[in-house]
Amino acid sequence: MIKHLENSDNFIELTKERTIVDFYADWCGPCKMMGLVLEELDAKEDLNILKVNTDKHPELSTKMGVMSIPTLFVIENNKEIKKHIGYMSKEELSKFIE
């Protein structure tokens, strides 16, 4: 299920379970393409996906070390498991989240 972060105070609560976190911006072309891949994968699998708009949450982006977008994290129990910067195909994303 894809959720959009509304309040950065909820970030810790939303990443207790295994979650794919997508840091993006509305103006970013590769982010839009990555969003489509996430939607396609989410339709086939039961995933926790959290989208974080870097323009709305710059303090969280800085805290997480996001320097380029899209940046995807796999977070579990509020700990970063994996990090990837840039666009990924559906196949690459599937391998990344395993």
Protein backbone atom coordinates (compact mmCIF):
# COMPACT_ATOMS: atom_id res chain seq x y z
CA MET A 1 0.00 0.00 0.00
CA ILE A 2 1.39 3.40 -0.98
CA LYS A 3 1.18 6.16 1.61
CA HIS A 4 2.35 9.76 1.40
CA LEU A 5 4.07 11.23 4.45
CA GLU A 6 1.95 14.11 5.70
CA ASN A 7 3.74 14.84 8.96
CA SER A 8 7.41 14.00 9.48
CA ASP A 9 6.63 13.26 13.14
CA ASN A 10 4.89 10.08 11.90
CA PHE A 11 7.97 8.79 10.07
CA ILE A 12 9.18 6.58 12.93
CA GLU A 13 5.71 5.09 13.44
CA LEU A 14 5.33 4.40 9.70
CA THR A 15 8.70 2.64 9.38
CA LYS A 16 8.43 0.16 12.25
CA GLU A 17 7.43 -2.57 9.81
CA ARG A 18 9.46 -3.31 6.67
CA THR A 19 8.84 -0.30 4.44
CA ILE A 20 10.13 0.97 1.11
CA VAL A 21 10.66 4.71 1.48
CA ASP A 22 10.78 6.78 -1.72
CA PHE A 23 12.22 10.29 -1.41
CA TYR A 24 11.00 12.24 -4.45
CA ALA A 25 9.88 15.62 -5.75
CA ASP A 26 6.90 16.43 -7.98
CA TRP A 27 9.12 18.23 -10.53
CA CYS A 28 11.60 15.33 -10.89
CA GLY A 29 11.23 13.27 -14.10
CA PRO A 30 13.07 10.16 -12.88
CA CYS A 31 11.00 10.35 -9.66
CA LYS A 32 7.78 10.22 -11.69
CA MET A 33 9.08 7.18 -13.59
CA MET A 34 10.10 5.52 -10.30
CA GLY A 35 6.63 6.24 -8.91
CA LEU A 36 5.05 4.33 -11.79
CA VAL A 37 7.33 1.34 -11.13
CA LEU A 38 6.41 1.42 -7.43
CA GLU A 39 2.68 1.54 -8.30
CA GLU A 40 3.06 -1.40 -10.68
CA LEU A 41 4.97 -3.48 -8.13
CA ASP A 42 2.55 -2.54 -5.35
CA ALA A 43 -0.38 -3.76 -7.46
CA LYS A 44 1.23 -7.22 -7.64
CA GLU A 45 2.65 -7.52 -4.13
CA ASP A 46 1.55 -6.49 -0.67
CA LEU A 47 4.16 -3.86 0.16
CA ASN A 48 4.44 -0.98 2.59
CA ILE A 49 5.55 2.00 0.52
CA LEU A 50 6.01 5.46 1.97
CA LYS A 51 6.56 8.38 -0.38
CA VAL A 52 8.34 11.42 1.09
CA ASN A 53 8.24 14.68 -0.85
CA THR A 54 11.66 16.29 -0.34
CA ASP A 55 10.23 19.77 -0.93
CA LYS A 56 7.72 19.32 1.90
CA HIS A 57 10.09 17.49 4.28
CA PRO A 58 13.59 18.95 3.77
CA GLU A 59 14.61 18.31 7.38
CA LEU A 60 13.85 14.58 7.07
CA SER A 61 15.63 14.42 3.72
CA THR A 62 18.72 15.96 5.32
CA LYS A 63 18.51 13.65 8.34
CA MET A 64 18.36 10.61 6.04
CA GLY A 65 21.28 11.86 3.93
CA VAL A 66 19.28 12.29 0.74
CA MET A 67 21.45 14.25 -1.72
CA SER A 68 19.84 13.17 -5.02
CA ILE A 69 16.39 11.97 -5.97
CA PRO A 70 14.84 9.55 -6.34
CA THR A 71 16.41 7.87 -3.33
CA LEU A 72 14.86 4.66 -2.05
CA PHE A 73 15.42 3.02 1.31
CA VAL A 74 14.33 -0.29 2.75
CA ILE A 75 13.68 0.41 6.42
CA GLU A 76 12.73 -2.13 9.05
CA ASN A 77 12.34 -1.51 12.79
CA ASN A 78 13.29 2.13 12.08
CA LYS A 79 16.69 1.02 10.75
CA GLU A 80 18.01 1.50 7.25
CA ILE A 81 18.56 -1.90 5.62
CA LYS A 82 19.33 -0.76 2.06
CA LYS A 83 19.65 2.48 0.09
CA HIS A 84 19.56 3.14 -3.65
CA ILE A 85 19.94 6.43 -5.50
CA GLY A 86 18.36 6.84 -8.93
CA TYR A 87 15.79 5.14 -11.10
CA MET A 88 15.35 1.35 -11.08
CA SER A 89 13.41 -0.90 -13.41
CA LYS A 90 10.73 -3.18 -11.97
CA GLU A 91 13.17 -6.10 -12.07
CA GLU A 92 15.90 -4.10 -10.31
CA LEU A 93 13.43 -2.88 -7.71
CA SER A 94 12.21 -6.43 -7.06
CA LYS A 95 15.78 -7.56 -6.39
CA PHE A 96 16.46 -4.48 -4.26
CA ILE A 97 13.53 -5.11 -1.91
CA GLU A 98 14.21 -8.85 -1.42
